[in-house]
């Protein structure tokens, strides 16, 4: 019963203004997300490789660490780019999802 009341009284999270801002910033946000999704794991794994080499008593050259970084970042970019940028059209789906019908409720698509 309490769940039904909470569901009935929960307001729509995104307004039309928010959807418009999401549509305007969508492409830039996707590129920033792609950069973060590619670079941050590459940095993490380079640090892990350096720590493992340090504990093993081996010294990795900066060229080896740089090559590892570029390999990981390029691989993740190739995998993540089609997933993150697939909906980069100007007509963002968020604007369509939050469009209101005549009765003030979210429109059904």
Protein backbone atom coordinates (compact mmCIF):
# COMPACT_ATOMS: atom_id res chain seq x y z
CA UNK A 1 0.00 0.00 0.00
CA UNK A 2 2.79 2.38 0.92
CA UNK A 3 4.62 1.60 -2.33
CA UNK A 4 1.52 2.39 -4.34
CA UNK A 5 1.15 5.75 -2.61
CA UNK A 6 4.82 6.56 -3.12
CA UNK A 7 4.60 5.66 -6.81
CA UNK A 8 1.45 7.70 -7.27
CA UNK A 9 2.92 10.76 -5.60
CA UNK A 10 6.38 10.64 -7.23
CA UNK A 11 6.74 13.61 -9.58
CA UNK A 12 8.23 13.37 -13.03
CA UNK A 13 11.99 13.63 -12.49
CA UNK A 14 12.90 15.34 -15.75
CA UNK A 15 11.14 18.45 -16.90
CA UNK A 16 11.01 19.69 -20.45
CA UNK A 17 13.68 22.32 -19.66
CA UNK A 18 16.00 19.61 -18.38
CA UNK A 19 15.41 17.55 -21.50
CA UNK A 20 16.26 20.52 -23.70
CA UNK A 21 19.50 21.11 -21.79
CA UNK A 22 20.32 17.40 -22.12
CA UNK A 23 19.73 17.59 -25.86
CA UNK A 24 21.98 20.65 -26.20
CA UNK A 25 24.80 19.23 -24.08
CA UNK A 26 24.26 15.64 -25.19
CA UNK A 27 27.01 15.45 -27.80
CA UNK A 28 29.61 17.25 -25.66
CA UNK A 29 28.70 15.18 -22.62
CA UNK A 30 29.04 12.00 -24.66
CA UNK A 31 32.53 12.97 -25.85
CA UNK A 32 33.57 13.83 -22.29
CA UNK A 33 32.14 10.50 -21.12
CA UNK A 34 34.01 8.70 -23.90
CA UNK A 35 37.27 10.38 -22.87
CA UNK A 36 36.72 9.45 -19.23
CA UNK A 37 35.74 5.88 -20.15
CA UNK A 38 38.90 5.49 -22.22
CA UNK A 39 41.53 7.39 -20.24
CA UNK A 40 40.71 6.62 -16.61
CA UNK A 41 40.90 2.81 -16.87
CA UNK A 42 44.10 3.14 -18.91
CA UNK A 43 45.67 5.29 -16.17
CA UNK A 44 44.48 2.83 -13.52
CA UNK A 45 45.98 -0.18 -15.28
CA UNK A 46 49.27 1.63 -15.93
CA UNK A 47 49.52 2.34 -12.20
CA UNK A 48 48.72 -1.29 -11.43
CA UNK A 49 51.41 -2.45 -13.90
CA UNK A 50 53.93 -0.05 -12.33
CA UNK A 51 53.10 -1.34 -8.83
CA UNK A 52 53.40 -4.98 -9.89
CA UNK A 53 56.71 -4.25 -11.61
CA UNK A 54 57.94 -2.40 -8.51
CA UNK A 55 56.99 -5.29 -6.22
CA UNK A 56 58.68 -7.73 -8.62
CA UNK A 57 61.84 -5.62 -8.59
CA UNK A 58 61.55 -4.66 -12.26
CA UNK A 59 61.71 -1.12 -13.58
CA UNK A 60 59.41 -0.29 -16.50
CA UNK A 61 60.60 2.34 -18.92
CA UNK A 62 58.41 5.38 -19.56
CA UNK A 63 58.07 4.25 -23.19
CA UNK A 64 56.69 0.87 -22.07
CA UNK A 65 54.20 2.53 -19.72
CA UNK A 66 53.20 4.99 -22.45
CA UNK A 67 52.73 2.17 -24.96
CA UNK A 68 50.59 0.29 -22.44
CA UNK A 69 48.52 3.43 -21.82
CA UNK A 70 47.98 4.09 -25.54
CA UNK A 71 47.08 0.46 -26.20
CA UNK A 72 44.49 0.32 -23.43
CA UNK A 73 43.03 3.77 -24.20
CA UNK A 74 42.79 3.02 -27.93
CA UNK A 75 41.14 -0.34 -27.30
CA UNK A 76 38.59 1.16 -24.89
CA UNK A 77 37.93 4.05 -27.27
CA UNK A 78 37.23 1.59 -30.09
CA UNK A 79 34.86 -0.43 -27.89
CA UNK A 80 33.12 2.46 -26.11
CA UNK A 81 32.75 4.92 -29.00
CA UNK A 82 29.97 3.04 -30.82
CA UNK A 83 28.13 2.48 -27.54
CA UNK A 84 28.39 6.00 -26.13
CA UNK A 85 27.99 7.95 -29.37
CA UNK A 86 25.26 5.84 -30.98
CA UNK A 87 22.44 8.29 -30.11
CA UNK A 88 24.31 11.54 -30.77
CA UNK A 89 21.58 12.97 -33.00
CA UNK A 90 20.20 16.48 -32.35
CA UNK A 91 16.77 15.02 -31.62
CA UNK A 92 17.73 13.43 -28.36
CA UNK A 93 15.38 10.77 -27.05
CA UNK A 94 15.28 12.41 -23.63
CA UNK A 95 13.30 15.30 -25.06
CA UNK A 96 10.79 12.90 -26.60
CA UNK A 97 10.48 10.86 -23.39
CA UNK A 98 9.63 13.86 -21.26
CA UNK A 99 7.28 15.54 -23.69
CA UNK A 100 3.90 16.09 -22.09
CA UNK A 101 0.60 15.15 -23.64
CA UNK A 102 -2.38 17.53 -23.57
CA UNK A 103 -3.48 16.22 -20.18
CA UNK A 104 -0.12 17.08 -18.52
CA UNK A 105 1.07 13.49 -18.26
CA UNK A 106 4.14 12.12 -20.05
CA UNK A 107 3.32 11.31 -23.66
CA UNK A 108 3.36 7.68 -24.70
CA UNK A 109 5.73 6.90 -27.56
